[in-house]
Each structure stands twice: as C-alpha cells, then as structure tokens.
Amino acid sequence: MLKIFKSFGGYLEIPKAEKGCWINIVQPSQDEINRIQTEFNVPADIIQDILDVDERPRYEVDEDWSLIILRIPVESPSNGVPYYTVPLGIFRTESLTITLCSAPNEVLPIDKPALYRGQGQLVHDDLNFVIKLFLRSGSTYLRYLKQINQQTALIENELEKSIRNKELNKLLKMEKCLVFFITSLKANEIVLAKLRNTLKKDITELNEDLLEDAIIENKQALEMSQIYSDIQSGMMDAFASVISNNLNVVMKQLASISIILMIPTLIASLYGMNVPNHLEDNPWAFFFVILISAFLALVGIIIFRKKDLF
C-alpha cells in the first residue's frame, strides 16, 4: 500500500508526489515496486535490500540520496512466535522522503502514520522525522517487551503445575522473540551512533536532543530485552526440573495406588481359588472378604500417607 503525504505529520494526503513530500509504503505490490523504481528513481537493489527480512540495519550516503535501514518490531500471531523484527528503510533525497517496510507495523501504521510524541511536538524536517522514527521504534519495543513479560508471567503460573512440554514451548517462543529484539536493537544502536557522528556538525540543537532521547530509548529497550532474556533462560532450566519433578510425583502416586489396589486383588484371588477355605457354606462370606479387603486397603493408605507416598 502506497500513500503520499504533504507533510511528515501524516494528516494531509495528496494524490501525487511533490517537493518535500513523504511517501509511506507498506507491503508493496509488484506494481508499486515498479512505480518506486521508475517514478521516484529508487535503485532496485535498495528496494530488494529493504524488503529482505534478514537485512541488517545500516546507514549509507550517496551523492543524490541517503539510506537508513533500521529493524522494527512487528506482531506475528500466526506462526506461533508473537513478535519478530523486520527492516524499515528510509530513503531520502532533496525532494522527497520514502519509507518502505515489508510488513504492517505500529511504528508507521498505514492508517494513522502520524509521528507526534505529544501535543504541539511537530515534525520539523526530514532529519527530525528520521530521529522520531527511531524514538517510535524504541517505544514500540518497550511496549512489546512489557507484553512479553505479562505473557511470561501467565506461562509461569501454568508451568508450576504442569507435566507437559506445551508451556515450555511457549516459553521458548518468548525467548526467541527476545533474541530477535536483542539482535535488532544492537544493530539499531550502531546506526544511531553512526548517525550522530556523521551529522555532528550540521545537526540542530532540537534534533541533537531528540537523537540523544532516541539513543537512550534504544539502550533502555536493549537492556530490558537482555534482562528478560537472562531471566527466561534461568527460568526454562528451573521449570524443566519442575516438570520432571511433577512427573515423578505423579508416577509415585500411581505406583502407590497400584500397590493399594493389589491388596483387595490378592485377597479376592486367594478366596476365589478352588480349594477349601472354610467359607464355602457361609452366607456372609462375600461380605466378609469385602470387609477384609477394605480394612487392609485402608491400613495401607494410612501407612502410605504417613510415609508421604500419597
């Protein structure tokens, strides 16, 4: 989907490109890719790099254009892993700015792509726009990390009484999300540092402060991801032992039940043999055997309870 905006705020959509406009492209079709190449003169290899889900973040400068690729988090409820990261490309020339991403995202949603972080804080120029993209990306990472932490807490409650691997698999997928986040945030940090060093002389005071905020936001998200990852790694080892212990408890209880059930079975077998047992003519023989079986089974249960085997 391709949309053209007159300003970076994202409120005024226009039918065709003009000088200073912003073009936001999400999940482009082949026709839109061809249009990007022919109408906006974006090199085909750059488009291919941005649409490659494994592309690393980087910052490139040429005579007529500059390119920034960062990795942003996206939701993925379909493949089992709730979150992963994709490249977001920012292609800038003197006349326009193009953002291109292969998946729908919350950093630049196609329906409401405004970048305001508060009332009255407008996007002043294309560099300001780029920095606010990093800021919005960092805040999105932090929000997803909180959701991962909440989901992990729910999985912990299930794991405490579980004897299956289903909950461990869920925890493993959360760990996979955190690995994606850590790798992407580290690469984004390198791009931010390169951006600060490259633009150190020409950057305005407003953008410099904003860039520092973006670096801090990215660093905070990275540290939180690493902390959650370390916690989950230890948690998975601990809960693997918990699941094994729960299974042992169940097996112990089943073994105890089997032994208790053997007592009435043994008595019934003895009195069911075709040999004299002095109860052949007794009308109460059946109830007598049942009573003995129940009494001995009860004694066995009491002994097992004292030994904590039940």
Protein backbone atom coordinates (compact mmCIF):
# COMPACT_ATOMS: atom_id res chain seq x y z
CA MET A 1 0.00 0.00 0.00
CA LEU A 2 1.40 3.37 -1.04
CA LYS A 3 0.33 6.72 0.41
CA ILE A 4 1.73 10.18 -0.25
CA PHE A 5 1.60 12.95 2.36
CA LYS A 6 2.31 16.64 2.04
CA SER A 7 4.00 16.79 5.44
CA PHE A 8 5.62 14.33 7.84
CA GLY A 9 2.74 14.65 10.28
CA GLY A 10 0.72 12.31 8.10
CA TYR A 11 -2.56 14.20 8.18
CA LEU A 12 -2.67 15.68 4.69
CA GLU A 13 -2.71 13.01 1.99
CA ILE A 14 -2.11 14.10 -1.61
CA PRO A 15 -2.71 12.22 -4.90
CA LYS A 16 0.80 12.63 -6.35
CA ALA A 17 4.31 13.40 -5.20
CA GLU A 18 5.59 16.95 -4.85
CA LYS A 19 8.72 18.57 -3.46
CA GLY A 20 9.21 17.92 0.25
CA CYS A 21 6.57 15.19 0.45
CA TRP A 22 6.68 11.93 2.37
CA ILE A 23 5.79 8.62 0.72
CA ASN A 24 4.88 5.76 3.05
CA ILE A 25 4.85 2.24 1.55
CA VAL A 26 3.84 -0.89 3.46
CA GLN A 27 3.68 -4.38 1.94
CA PRO A 28 4.17 -3.09 -1.62
CA SER A 29 2.73 -4.94 -4.60
CA GLN A 30 4.81 -5.56 -7.69
CA ASP A 31 3.17 -2.59 -9.43
CA GLU A 32 4.07 -0.33 -6.51
CA ILE A 33 7.66 -1.62 -6.54
CA ASN A 34 7.90 -0.79 -10.24
CA ARG A 35 6.46 2.66 -9.56
CA ILE A 36 9.04 3.30 -6.84
CA GLN A 37 11.83 2.48 -9.28
CA THR A 38 10.54 4.43 -12.29
CA GLU A 39 8.76 7.43 -10.79
CA PHE A 40 10.88 8.04 -7.68
CA ASN A 41 14.23 6.72 -9.00
CA VAL A 42 14.90 4.35 -6.11
CA PRO A 43 17.56 1.77 -7.10
CA ALA A 44 16.24 -1.77 -7.43
CA ASP A 45 18.95 -3.24 -5.17
CA ILE A 46 17.97 -0.86 -2.35
CA ILE A 47 14.32 -1.91 -2.61
CA GLN A 48 15.38 -5.54 -2.59
CA ASP A 49 17.54 -4.99 0.50
CA ILE A 50 14.76 -3.27 2.44
CA LEU A 51 12.24 -5.99 1.59
CA ASP A 52 14.69 -8.70 2.67
CA VAL A 53 13.51 -9.80 6.14
CA ASP A 54 17.08 -10.67 7.15
CA GLU A 55 18.64 -7.35 6.12
CA ARG A 56 20.88 -5.74 8.72
CA PRO A 57 20.45 -2.08 9.80
CA ARG A 58 22.86 0.36 8.16
CA TYR A 59 23.40 3.97 7.09
CA GLU A 60 24.52 4.81 3.55
CA VAL A 61 25.15 8.17 1.89
CA ASP A 62 25.49 8.81 -1.85
CA GLU A 63 25.71 11.98 -3.93
CA ASP A 64 21.96 12.25 -4.57
CA TRP A 65 20.44 10.22 -1.75
CA SER A 66 20.91 8.71 1.69
CA LEU A 67 19.56 5.46 3.06
CA ILE A 68 18.85 4.40 6.64
CA ILE A 69 17.68 0.88 7.46
CA LEU A 70 16.57 0.06 10.97
CA ARG A 71 14.83 -3.00 12.33
CA ILE A 72 11.42 -2.54 13.94
CA PRO A 73 9.22 -4.95 15.93
CA VAL A 74 6.02 -6.35 14.44
CA GLU A 75 3.32 -8.65 15.75
CA SER A 76 3.06 -12.15 14.34
CA PRO A 77 0.22 -14.16 15.91
CA SER A 78 0.03 -16.63 13.03
CA ASN A 79 3.35 -18.52 13.19
CA GLY A 80 3.47 -19.16 16.95
CA VAL A 81 6.15 -16.55 17.71
CA PRO A 82 4.21 -13.48 18.90
CA TYR A 83 6.78 -10.87 17.80
CA TYR A 84 9.69 -10.60 15.40
CA THR A 85 11.56 -7.80 13.62
CA VAL A 86 11.66 -6.55 10.02
CA PRO A 87 13.69 -3.87 8.22
CA LEU A 88 12.26 -0.39 7.78
CA GLY A 89 14.01 1.61 5.05
CA ILE A 90 14.16 5.42 4.93
CA PHE A 91 15.27 6.67 1.52
CA ARG A 92 15.93 10.44 1.41
CA THR A 93 16.61 12.82 -1.46
CA GLU A 94 16.43 16.61 -1.71
CA SER A 95 12.86 16.47 -2.98
CA LEU A 96 11.22 13.64 -1.04
CA THR A 97 11.45 11.04 1.72
CA ILE A 98 10.33 7.43 1.24
CA THR A 99 9.68 4.91 3.99
CA LEU A 100 9.36 1.28 2.93
CA CYS A 101 8.53 -1.78 5.02
CA SER A 102 7.57 -5.33 4.05
CA ALA A 103 5.05 -5.86 6.89
CA PRO A 104 2.30 -3.89 8.65
CA ASN A 105 3.68 -2.33 11.82
CA GLU A 106 2.91 0.07 14.64
CA VAL A 107 5.92 2.29 14.06
CA LEU A 108 4.35 3.63 10.87
CA PRO A 109 0.80 2.26 10.66
CA ILE A 110 -0.61 2.81 7.20
CA ASP A 111 -3.94 4.14 8.52
CA LYS A 112 -2.56 6.68 11.04
CA PRO A 113 1.12 7.29 10.31
CA ALA A 114 1.48 10.41 12.49
CA LEU A 115 4.72 10.76 14.47
CA TYR A 116 3.66 13.18 17.17
CA ARG A 117 5.00 12.23 20.61
CA GLY A 118 2.95 14.86 22.41
CA GLN A 119 0.70 17.81 21.80
CA GLY A 120 2.43 20.53 19.83
CA GLN A 121 5.55 18.47 19.06
CA LEU A 122 5.53 18.56 15.27
CA VAL A 123 7.96 17.03 12.81
CA HIS A 124 10.15 19.92 11.64
CA ASP A 125 12.29 18.43 8.88
CA ASP A 126 13.31 15.13 7.31
CA LEU A 127 16.10 14.51 9.84
CA ASN A 128 13.70 15.21 12.67
CA PHE A 129 11.37 12.71 11.01
CA VAL A 130 14.08 10.03 10.90
CA ILE A 131 15.02 10.52 14.56
CA LYS A 132 11.39 10.33 15.63
CA LEU A 133 11.11 7.05 13.74
CA PHE A 134 13.91 5.69 15.94
CA LEU A 135 12.12 7.07 19.00
CA ARG A 136 8.83 5.50 18.00
CA SER A 137 10.61 2.22 17.25
CA GLY A 138 12.18 2.24 20.72
CA SER A 139 8.86 2.92 22.45
CA THR A 140 7.26 0.11 20.41
CA TYR A 141 10.00 -2.28 21.53
CA LEU A 142 9.38 -1.29 25.16
CA ARG A 143 5.63 -1.81 24.84
CA TYR A 144 6.09 -5.24 23.28
CA LEU A 145 8.61 -6.16 25.99
CA LYS A 146 6.02 -5.39 28.67
CA GLN A 147 3.53 -7.62 26.85
CA ILE A 148 6.14 -10.40 26.64
CA ASN A 149 6.74 -10.07 30.37
CA GLN A 150 3.00 -10.32 31.09
CA GLN A 151 2.63 -13.39 28.88
CA THR A 152 5.67 -14.96 30.54
CA ALA A 153 4.09 -14.46 33.98
CA LEU A 154 0.96 -16.32 32.81
CA ILE A 155 3.09 -19.17 31.43
CA GLU A 156 4.93 -19.38 34.78
CA ASN A 157 1.65 -19.98 36.62
CA GLU A 158 0.81 -22.79 34.19
CA LEU A 159 4.28 -24.31 34.44
CA GLU A 160 4.16 -24.67 38.24
CA LYS A 161 1.54 -27.41 37.96
CA SER A 162 2.34 -28.77 34.51
CA ILE A 163 3.85 -32.10 33.50
CA ARG A 164 3.78 -31.36 29.75
CA ASN A 165 6.16 -29.61 27.37
CA LYS A 166 3.47 -27.30 25.97
CA GLU A 167 4.23 -24.48 28.40
CA LEU A 168 7.99 -24.86 27.89
CA ASN A 169 7.43 -24.49 24.14
CA LYS A 170 5.53 -21.24 24.79
CA LEU A 171 8.40 -20.00 26.93
CA LEU A 172 10.85 -20.97 24.20
CA LYS A 173 8.93 -18.81 21.70
CA MET A 174 9.12 -15.87 24.10
CA GLU A 175 12.86 -16.42 24.34
CA LYS A 176 13.03 -16.43 20.55
CA CYS A 177 11.26 -13.05 20.46
CA LEU A 178 13.81 -11.63 22.89
CA VAL A 179 16.70 -12.91 20.77
CA PHE A 180 15.19 -11.13 17.75
CA PHE A 181 14.82 -7.95 19.80
CA ILE A 182 18.34 -8.01 21.22
CA THR A 183 19.95 -8.58 17.82
CA SER A 184 17.92 -5.81 16.16
CA LEU A 185 18.38 -3.29 18.98
CA LYS A 186 22.16 -3.79 18.98
CA ALA A 187 22.25 -3.15 15.23
CA ASN A 188 19.98 -0.09 15.60
CA GLU A 189 22.33 1.23 18.28
CA ILE A 190 25.24 1.11 15.82
CA VAL A 191 23.19 3.02 13.21
CA LEU A 192 22.24 5.69 15.77
CA ALA A 193 25.87 6.12 16.80
CA LYS A 194 26.93 6.43 13.15
CA LEU A 195 24.14 8.92 12.52
CA ARG A 196 25.24 11.06 15.46
CA ASN A 197 28.89 11.04 14.39
CA THR A 198 28.08 11.80 10.74
CA LEU A 199 25.69 14.69 11.45
CA LYS A 200 27.54 16.09 14.44
CA LYS A 201 28.48 19.38 12.75
CA ASP A 202 25.23 20.12 10.91
CA ILE A 203 22.60 18.91 13.40
CA THR A 204 20.37 21.44 15.16
CA GLU A 205 20.06 21.63 18.92
CA LEU A 206 16.49 20.30 18.77
CA ASN A 207 17.47 17.29 16.68
CA GLU A 208 20.56 16.69 18.81
CA ASP A 209 18.44 16.46 21.96
CA LEU A 210 15.96 14.26 20.14
CA LEU A 211 18.76 11.99 18.92
CA GLU A 212 20.02 11.59 22.49
CA ASP A 213 16.49 10.62 23.52
CA ALA A 214 16.37 8.05 20.73
CA ILE A 215 19.72 6.58 21.81
CA ILE A 216 18.55 6.38 25.44
CA GLU A 217 15.23 4.80 24.42
CA ASN A 218 17.01 2.21 22.27
CA LYS A 219 19.51 1.46 25.05
CA GLN A 220 16.71 1.04 27.59
CA ALA A 221 14.88 -1.38 25.30
CA LEU A 222 18.13 -3.32 24.74
CA GLU A 223 18.87 -3.60 28.46
CA MET A 224 15.30 -4.71 29.22
CA SER A 225 15.49 -7.33 26.47
CA GLN A 226 18.76 -8.69 27.86
CA ILE A 227 17.39 -8.77 31.41
CA TYR A 228 14.22 -10.59 30.34
CA SER A 229 16.28 -12.99 28.23
CA ASP A 230 18.58 -13.84 31.16
CA ILE A 231 15.58 -14.35 33.44
CA GLN A 232 13.84 -16.61 30.93
CA SER A 233 16.97 -18.68 30.31
CA GLY A 234 17.26 -19.44 34.03
CA MET A 235 13.51 -19.92 34.27
CA MET A 236 13.47 -22.51 31.49
CA ASP A 237 16.15 -24.56 33.25
CA ALA A 238 14.31 -24.30 36.56
CA PHE A 239 10.94 -25.21 35.14
CA ALA A 240 12.37 -28.13 33.19
CA SER A 241 13.34 -29.54 36.59
CA VAL A 242 9.88 -28.63 37.96
CA ILE A 243 8.15 -30.53 35.14
CA SER A 244 10.41 -33.54 35.73
CA ASN A 245 9.69 -33.39 39.47
CA ASN A 246 5.92 -33.09 38.85
CA LEU A 247 6.10 -36.14 36.63
CA ASN A 248 7.96 -38.06 39.35
CA VAL A 249 5.27 -37.11 41.88
CA VAL A 250 2.54 -38.36 39.56
CA MET A 251 4.40 -41.62 38.93
CA LYS A 252 4.89 -42.07 42.70
CA GLN A 253 1.18 -41.56 43.31
CA LEU A 254 0.26 -44.01 40.55
CA ALA A 255 2.64 -46.59 41.98
CA SER A 256 1.11 -46.12 45.45
CA ILE A 257 -2.41 -46.52 44.06
CA SER A 258 -1.34 -49.70 42.23
CA ILE A 259 0.05 -51.19 45.44
CA ILE A 260 -3.13 -50.33 47.39
CA LEU A 261 -5.30 -51.89 44.68
CA MET A 262 -3.17 -55.04 44.81
CA ILE A 263 -4.34 -55.78 48.39
CA PRO A 264 -8.04 -56.46 47.61
CA THR A 265 -6.99 -58.15 44.38
CA LEU A 266 -4.73 -60.56 46.32
CA ILE A 267 -7.42 -61.37 48.88
CA ALA A 268 -10.07 -61.88 46.21
CA SER A 269 -7.66 -64.16 44.33
CA LEU A 270 -6.96 -66.28 47.44
CA TYR A 271 -10.63 -66.72 48.29
CA GLY A 272 -11.51 -67.29 44.67
CA MET A 273 -9.26 -70.37 44.41
CA ASN A 274 -10.94 -73.75 44.04
CA VAL A 275 -9.61 -75.07 47.41
CA PRO A 276 -11.28 -75.41 50.85
CA ASN A 277 -11.22 -72.14 52.80
CA HIS A 278 -13.92 -72.83 55.46
CA LEU A 279 -16.23 -70.18 53.97
CA GLU A 280 -17.87 -72.25 51.27
CA ASP A 281 -21.17 -72.58 53.12
CA ASN A 282 -21.12 -69.24 54.92
CA PRO A 283 -23.79 -66.85 53.53
CA TRP A 284 -21.74 -63.86 54.70
CA ALA A 285 -18.52 -65.00 53.04
CA PHE A 286 -18.67 -62.43 50.22
CA PHE A 287 -19.22 -59.51 52.62
CA PHE A 288 -16.53 -60.88 54.94
CA VAL A 289 -13.97 -60.92 52.08
CA ILE A 290 -15.02 -57.39 51.03
CA LEU A 291 -14.64 -56.13 54.61
CA ILE A 292 -11.17 -57.66 54.99
CA SER A 293 -10.08 -56.21 51.66
CA ALA A 294 -11.38 -52.73 52.53
CA PHE A 295 -9.78 -52.83 56.00
CA LEU A 296 -6.35 -53.88 54.71
CA ALA A 297 -6.54 -51.31 51.88
CA LEU A 298 -7.37 -48.61 54.45
CA VAL A 299 -4.42 -49.68 56.59
CA GLY A 300 -2.21 -49.47 53.52
CA ILE A 301 -3.49 -45.98 52.70
CA ILE A 302 -2.77 -44.80 56.26
CA ILE A 303 0.78 -46.21 56.12
CA PHE A 304 1.41 -44.61 52.73
CA ARG A 305 0.04 -41.26 53.97
CA LYS A 306 2.40 -41.29 56.94
CA LYS A 307 5.31 -42.03 54.62
CA ASP A 308 4.16 -39.15 52.34
CA LEU A 309 3.69 -41.51 49.41
CA PHE A 310 0.18 -40.26 48.72
